[in-house]
């Protein structure tokens, strides 16, 4: 009789452990959202805002590490002039731009 009660007591906690497991999964999912997904979306919105305000004359940094000056902006492409040589103008996608500095920002920094 005692062994039957011990067995029932040991197996009776199954529902509680399932609820606890679901709770841990939910907490883990919320942590993943706030630590990984939300900051990534925030950075993506910041980059979209940065690229939408880009205009000719802005200094830019590309993903490959080159600094240049924007010559022309279209819907999804940008023509960037690199270096002192005025003949080095390269069309590239807007997504290749990682940093934009407005000319008035450079003057204010000095």
N, C-alpha and C. Protein backbone atom coordinates (compact mmCIF):
# COMPACT_ATOMS: atom_id res chain seq x y z
N UNK A 1 0.82 -1.18 0.00
CA UNK A 1 0.00 0.00 0.00
C UNK A 1 0.86 1.25 0.00
N UNK A 2 1.92 1.26 0.79
CA UNK A 2 2.81 2.41 0.86
C UNK A 2 3.51 2.65 -0.48
N UNK A 3 3.89 1.58 -1.17
CA UNK A 3 4.58 1.75 -2.44
C UNK A 3 3.64 2.34 -3.50
N UNK A 4 2.34 2.02 -3.44
CA UNK A 4 1.36 2.59 -4.38
C UNK A 4 1.20 4.08 -4.12
N UNK A 5 1.15 4.51 -2.87
CA UNK A 5 1.03 5.92 -2.55
C UNK A 5 2.28 6.69 -2.97
N UNK A 6 3.45 6.10 -2.80
CA UNK A 6 4.68 6.76 -3.21
C UNK A 6 4.74 6.91 -4.72
N UNK A 7 4.29 5.89 -5.45
CA UNK A 7 4.28 5.96 -6.90
C UNK A 7 3.31 7.03 -7.39
N UNK A 8 2.12 7.13 -6.80
CA UNK A 8 1.14 8.14 -7.19
C UNK A 8 1.65 9.54 -6.86
N UNK A 9 2.34 9.69 -5.74
CA UNK A 9 2.88 11.00 -5.37
C UNK A 9 3.98 11.42 -6.34
N UNK A 10 4.77 10.46 -6.79
CA UNK A 10 5.86 10.78 -7.71
C UNK A 10 5.33 11.12 -9.09
N UNK A 11 4.29 10.45 -9.56
CA UNK A 11 3.75 10.72 -10.89
C UNK A 11 2.70 11.81 -10.89
N UNK A 12 2.18 12.20 -9.77
CA UNK A 12 1.14 13.23 -9.70
C UNK A 12 1.67 14.62 -10.00
N UNK A 13 2.96 14.85 -9.91
CA UNK A 13 3.55 16.15 -10.18
C UNK A 13 3.79 16.39 -11.66
N UNK A 14 3.33 15.55 -12.54
CA UNK A 14 3.55 15.68 -13.98
C UNK A 14 2.93 16.93 -14.55
N UNK A 15 1.73 17.27 -14.13
CA UNK A 15 1.04 18.45 -14.64
C UNK A 15 1.78 19.72 -14.21
N UNK A 16 2.24 19.74 -12.99
CA UNK A 16 2.98 20.90 -12.49
C UNK A 16 4.30 21.11 -13.22
N UNK A 17 4.98 20.02 -13.54
CA UNK A 17 6.26 20.15 -14.23
C UNK A 17 6.06 20.60 -15.68
N UNK A 18 4.95 20.20 -16.30
CA UNK A 18 4.66 20.66 -17.66
C UNK A 18 4.38 22.15 -17.66
N UNK A 19 3.60 22.61 -16.67
CA UNK A 19 3.32 24.04 -16.58
C UNK A 19 4.59 24.83 -16.30
N UNK A 20 5.46 24.27 -15.47
CA UNK A 20 6.72 24.94 -15.18
C UNK A 20 7.59 25.02 -16.43
N UNK A 21 7.59 23.95 -17.24
CA UNK A 21 8.37 23.94 -18.47
C UNK A 21 7.82 24.98 -19.45
N UNK A 22 6.51 25.06 -19.58
CA UNK A 22 5.89 26.06 -20.45
C UNK A 22 6.23 27.46 -19.96
N UNK A 23 6.22 27.65 -18.66
CA UNK A 23 6.59 28.95 -18.09
C UNK A 23 8.03 29.32 -18.42
N UNK A 24 8.96 28.36 -18.30
CA UNK A 24 10.36 28.63 -18.63
C UNK A 24 10.52 28.96 -20.11
N UNK A 25 9.79 28.25 -20.97
CA UNK A 25 9.86 28.52 -22.41
C UNK A 25 9.34 29.91 -22.70
N UNK A 26 8.25 30.31 -22.05
CA UNK A 26 7.69 31.64 -22.25
C UNK A 26 8.67 32.72 -21.78
N UNK A 27 9.27 32.52 -20.64
CA UNK A 27 10.25 33.48 -20.13
C UNK A 27 11.45 33.57 -21.06
N UNK A 28 11.91 32.44 -21.56
CA UNK A 28 13.03 32.40 -22.49
C UNK A 28 12.67 33.13 -23.79
N UNK A 29 11.46 32.93 -24.28
CA UNK A 29 11.01 33.61 -25.50
C UNK A 29 10.94 35.12 -25.33
N UNK A 30 10.46 35.57 -24.19
CA UNK A 30 10.40 37.01 -23.91
C UNK A 30 11.81 37.58 -23.80
N UNK A 31 12.71 36.86 -23.16
CA UNK A 31 14.09 37.32 -23.03
C UNK A 31 14.75 37.43 -24.41
N UNK A 32 14.54 36.46 -25.27
CA UNK A 32 15.09 36.50 -26.63
C UNK A 32 14.56 37.72 -27.37
N UNK A 33 13.27 37.99 -27.24
CA UNK A 33 12.67 39.14 -27.93
C UNK A 33 13.33 40.44 -27.47
N UNK A 34 13.44 40.65 -26.17
CA UNK A 34 13.97 41.92 -25.67
C UNK A 34 15.49 42.04 -25.81
N UNK A 35 16.20 40.94 -25.86
CA UNK A 35 17.65 41.00 -25.98
C UNK A 35 18.17 40.96 -27.41
N UNK A 36 17.37 40.38 -28.34
CA UNK A 36 17.88 40.21 -29.69
C UNK A 36 17.00 40.86 -30.76
N UNK A 37 15.73 40.62 -30.75
CA UNK A 37 14.86 41.06 -31.84
C UNK A 37 14.56 42.56 -31.75
N UNK A 38 14.19 43.05 -30.59
CA UNK A 38 13.82 44.45 -30.44
C UNK A 38 15.00 45.39 -30.75
N UNK A 39 16.21 45.15 -30.24
CA UNK A 39 17.32 46.04 -30.60
C UNK A 39 17.65 46.02 -32.09
N UNK A 40 17.49 44.85 -32.72
CA UNK A 40 17.76 44.76 -34.15
C UNK A 40 16.75 45.58 -34.95
N UNK A 41 15.48 45.53 -34.57
CA UNK A 41 14.46 46.33 -35.25
C UNK A 41 14.70 47.81 -35.03
N UNK A 42 15.13 48.18 -33.83
CA UNK A 42 15.41 49.59 -33.53
C UNK A 42 16.56 50.10 -34.39
N UNK A 43 17.62 49.31 -34.54
CA UNK A 43 18.75 49.68 -35.37
C UNK A 43 18.34 49.77 -36.84
N UNK A 44 17.47 48.87 -37.27
CA UNK A 44 17.00 48.88 -38.66
C UNK A 44 16.20 50.15 -38.94
N UNK A 45 15.35 50.56 -38.02
CA UNK A 45 14.58 51.80 -38.19
C UNK A 45 15.50 53.01 -38.20
N UNK A 46 16.56 53.00 -37.36
CA UNK A 46 17.51 54.10 -37.33
C UNK A 46 18.23 54.22 -38.67
N UNK A 47 18.64 53.08 -39.24
CA UNK A 47 19.34 53.10 -40.52
C UNK A 47 18.42 53.56 -41.65
N UNK A 48 17.16 53.15 -41.63
CA UNK A 48 16.20 53.59 -42.65
C UNK A 48 16.01 55.10 -42.57
N UNK A 49 15.91 55.65 -41.36
CA UNK A 49 15.77 57.09 -41.19
C UNK A 49 17.02 57.82 -41.67
N UNK A 50 18.19 57.26 -41.37
CA UNK A 50 19.45 57.86 -41.77
C UNK A 50 19.57 57.90 -43.30
N UNK A 51 19.23 56.79 -43.94
CA UNK A 51 19.34 56.71 -45.39
C UNK A 51 18.30 57.56 -46.10
N UNK A 52 17.15 57.75 -45.47
CA UNK A 52 16.11 58.56 -46.12
C UNK A 52 16.45 60.05 -46.08
N UNK A 53 17.29 60.48 -45.14
CA UNK A 53 17.67 61.90 -45.06
C UNK A 53 18.96 62.20 -45.80
N UNK A 54 19.56 61.19 -46.43
CA UNK A 54 20.82 61.37 -47.15
C UNK A 54 20.59 62.19 -48.41
N UNK A 55 21.49 63.14 -48.66
CA UNK A 55 21.37 63.98 -49.85
C UNK A 55 22.76 64.28 -50.40
N UNK A 56 22.79 64.89 -51.56
CA UNK A 56 24.07 65.20 -52.21
C UNK A 56 24.89 66.13 -51.31
N UNK A 57 26.19 65.86 -51.25
CA UNK A 57 27.10 66.65 -50.44
C UNK A 57 27.41 66.05 -49.09
N UNK A 58 26.69 65.03 -48.68
CA UNK A 58 26.94 64.37 -47.39
C UNK A 58 28.17 63.48 -47.48
N UNK A 59 28.95 63.44 -46.41
CA UNK A 59 30.07 62.51 -46.32
C UNK A 59 29.54 61.18 -45.80
N UNK A 60 29.99 60.08 -46.41
CA UNK A 60 29.48 58.77 -46.03
C UNK A 60 30.63 57.79 -45.79
N UNK A 61 30.34 56.77 -45.03
CA UNK A 61 31.23 55.64 -44.82
C UNK A 61 30.51 54.41 -45.35
N UNK A 62 31.18 53.64 -46.21
CA UNK A 62 30.55 52.45 -46.78
C UNK A 62 30.85 51.23 -45.93
N UNK A 63 30.17 50.15 -46.21
CA UNK A 63 30.39 48.91 -45.46
C UNK A 63 31.79 48.35 -45.69
N UNK A 64 32.42 48.71 -46.81
CA UNK A 64 33.77 48.23 -47.08
C UNK A 64 34.84 49.12 -46.44
N UNK A 65 34.43 50.22 -45.80
CA UNK A 65 35.37 51.06 -45.08
C UNK A 65 35.87 52.27 -45.84
N UNK A 66 35.29 52.56 -47.00
CA UNK A 66 35.70 53.71 -47.79
C UNK A 66 34.88 54.93 -47.40
N UNK A 67 35.56 56.09 -47.30
CA UNK A 67 34.89 57.36 -47.07
C UNK A 67 34.70 58.04 -48.41
N UNK A 68 33.56 58.68 -48.59
CA UNK A 68 33.29 59.38 -49.83
C UNK A 68 32.25 60.46 -49.63
N UNK A 69 31.95 61.15 -50.73
CA UNK A 69 30.96 62.22 -50.73
C UNK A 69 29.86 61.83 -51.70
N UNK A 70 28.61 61.99 -51.27
CA UNK A 70 27.47 61.64 -52.12
C UNK A 70 27.33 62.69 -53.22
N UNK A 71 27.22 62.21 -54.45
CA UNK A 71 27.04 63.08 -55.60
C UNK A 71 25.59 63.11 -56.04
N UNK A 72 24.93 61.93 -56.03
CA UNK A 72 23.55 61.83 -56.49
C UNK A 72 22.85 60.72 -55.71
N UNK A 73 21.56 60.92 -55.45
CA UNK A 73 20.77 59.93 -54.72
C UNK A 73 19.52 59.62 -55.53
N UNK A 74 19.27 58.32 -55.76
CA UNK A 74 18.01 57.89 -56.38
C UNK A 74 17.27 57.02 -55.37
N UNK A 75 16.25 56.31 -55.83
CA UNK A 75 15.43 55.51 -54.91
C UNK A 75 16.24 54.50 -54.11
N UNK A 76 17.03 53.68 -54.80
CA UNK A 76 17.77 52.63 -54.08
C UNK A 76 19.27 52.65 -54.35
N UNK A 77 19.75 53.60 -55.15
CA UNK A 77 21.18 53.69 -55.41
C UNK A 77 21.71 55.08 -55.07
N UNK A 78 23.02 55.13 -54.87
CA UNK A 78 23.71 56.36 -54.53
C UNK A 78 24.99 56.40 -55.36
N UNK A 79 25.33 57.57 -55.90
CA UNK A 79 26.62 57.72 -56.57
C UNK A 79 27.54 58.43 -55.60
N UNK A 80 28.66 57.77 -55.28
CA UNK A 80 29.60 58.28 -54.29
C UNK A 80 30.93 58.58 -54.97
N UNK A 81 31.51 59.72 -54.62
CA UNK A 81 32.81 60.13 -55.14
C UNK A 81 33.85 59.86 -54.06
N UNK A 82 34.91 59.13 -54.43
CA UNK A 82 35.95 58.74 -53.48
C UNK A 82 37.24 59.48 -53.75
N UNK A 83 37.91 59.93 -52.71
CA UNK A 83 39.23 60.54 -52.80
C UNK A 83 39.24 61.90 -53.46
N UNK A 84 40.44 62.38 -53.77
CA UNK A 84 40.61 63.69 -54.39
C UNK A 84 40.40 63.64 -55.89
N UNK A 85 40.46 62.46 -56.47
CA UNK A 85 40.27 62.29 -57.89
C UNK A 85 38.78 62.40 -58.21
N UNK A 86 38.41 63.42 -58.94
CA UNK A 86 36.99 63.65 -59.24
C UNK A 86 36.43 62.64 -60.25
N UNK A 87 37.28 61.80 -60.81
CA UNK A 87 36.82 60.81 -61.78
C UNK A 87 36.43 59.50 -61.12
N UNK A 88 36.60 59.38 -59.83
CA UNK A 88 36.31 58.12 -59.14
C UNK A 88 34.91 58.20 -58.52
N UNK A 89 33.91 58.00 -59.34
CA UNK A 89 32.52 58.02 -58.90
C UNK A 89 31.93 56.64 -59.10
N UNK A 90 31.41 56.08 -58.02
CA UNK A 90 30.93 54.70 -58.06
C UNK A 90 29.47 54.65 -57.63
N UNK A 91 28.60 54.06 -58.46
CA UNK A 91 27.21 53.85 -58.01
C UNK A 91 27.16 52.64 -57.08
N UNK A 92 26.40 52.76 -56.01
CA UNK A 92 26.24 51.65 -55.06
C UNK A 92 24.85 51.70 -54.45
N UNK A 93 24.47 50.60 -53.84
CA UNK A 93 23.17 50.53 -53.18
C UNK A 93 23.20 51.34 -51.90
N UNK A 94 22.03 51.87 -51.53
CA UNK A 94 21.94 52.64 -50.28
C UNK A 94 22.28 51.79 -49.07
N UNK A 95 21.99 50.50 -49.15
CA UNK A 95 22.25 49.63 -48.00
C UNK A 95 23.74 49.44 -47.73
N UNK A 96 24.60 49.86 -48.68
CA UNK A 96 26.04 49.75 -48.48
C UNK A 96 26.58 50.92 -47.66
N UNK A 97 25.74 51.87 -47.32
CA UNK A 97 26.15 53.03 -46.51
C UNK A 97 25.90 52.70 -45.04
N UNK A 98 26.92 52.88 -44.21
CA UNK A 98 26.76 52.59 -42.79
C UNK A 98 26.72 53.84 -41.92
N UNK A 99 27.27 54.94 -42.42
CA UNK A 99 27.34 56.15 -41.62
C UNK A 99 27.22 57.36 -42.54
N UNK A 100 26.45 58.37 -42.12
CA UNK A 100 26.28 59.59 -42.89
C UNK A 100 26.61 60.77 -42.00
N UNK A 101 27.41 61.69 -42.54
CA UNK A 101 27.74 62.91 -41.80
C UNK A 101 27.36 64.10 -42.67
N UNK A 102 26.49 64.92 -42.15
CA UNK A 102 26.05 66.12 -42.87
C UNK A 102 27.17 67.16 -42.86
N UNK A 103 27.27 68.00 -43.90
CA UNK A 103 28.33 69.03 -43.92
C UNK A 103 28.22 70.00 -42.74
N UNK A 104 27.02 70.37 -42.31
CA UNK A 104 26.89 71.28 -41.18
C UNK A 104 27.34 70.64 -39.87
N UNK A 105 27.25 69.31 -39.76
CA UNK A 105 27.75 68.61 -38.57
C UNK A 105 29.27 68.70 -38.48
N UNK A 106 29.95 68.64 -39.63
CA UNK A 106 31.41 68.72 -39.65
C UNK A 106 31.87 70.12 -39.27
N UNK A 107 31.15 71.13 -39.72
CA UNK A 107 31.51 72.52 -39.38
C UNK A 107 31.28 72.77 -37.91
N UNK A 108 30.18 72.23 -37.35
CA UNK A 108 29.88 72.43 -35.94
C UNK A 108 30.89 71.72 -35.04
N UNK A 109 31.47 70.62 -35.50
CA UNK A 109 32.44 69.86 -34.70
C UNK A 109 33.75 70.62 -34.58
N UNK A 110 34.07 71.43 -35.58
CA UNK A 110 35.33 72.20 -35.54
C UNK A 110 35.12 73.41 -34.71
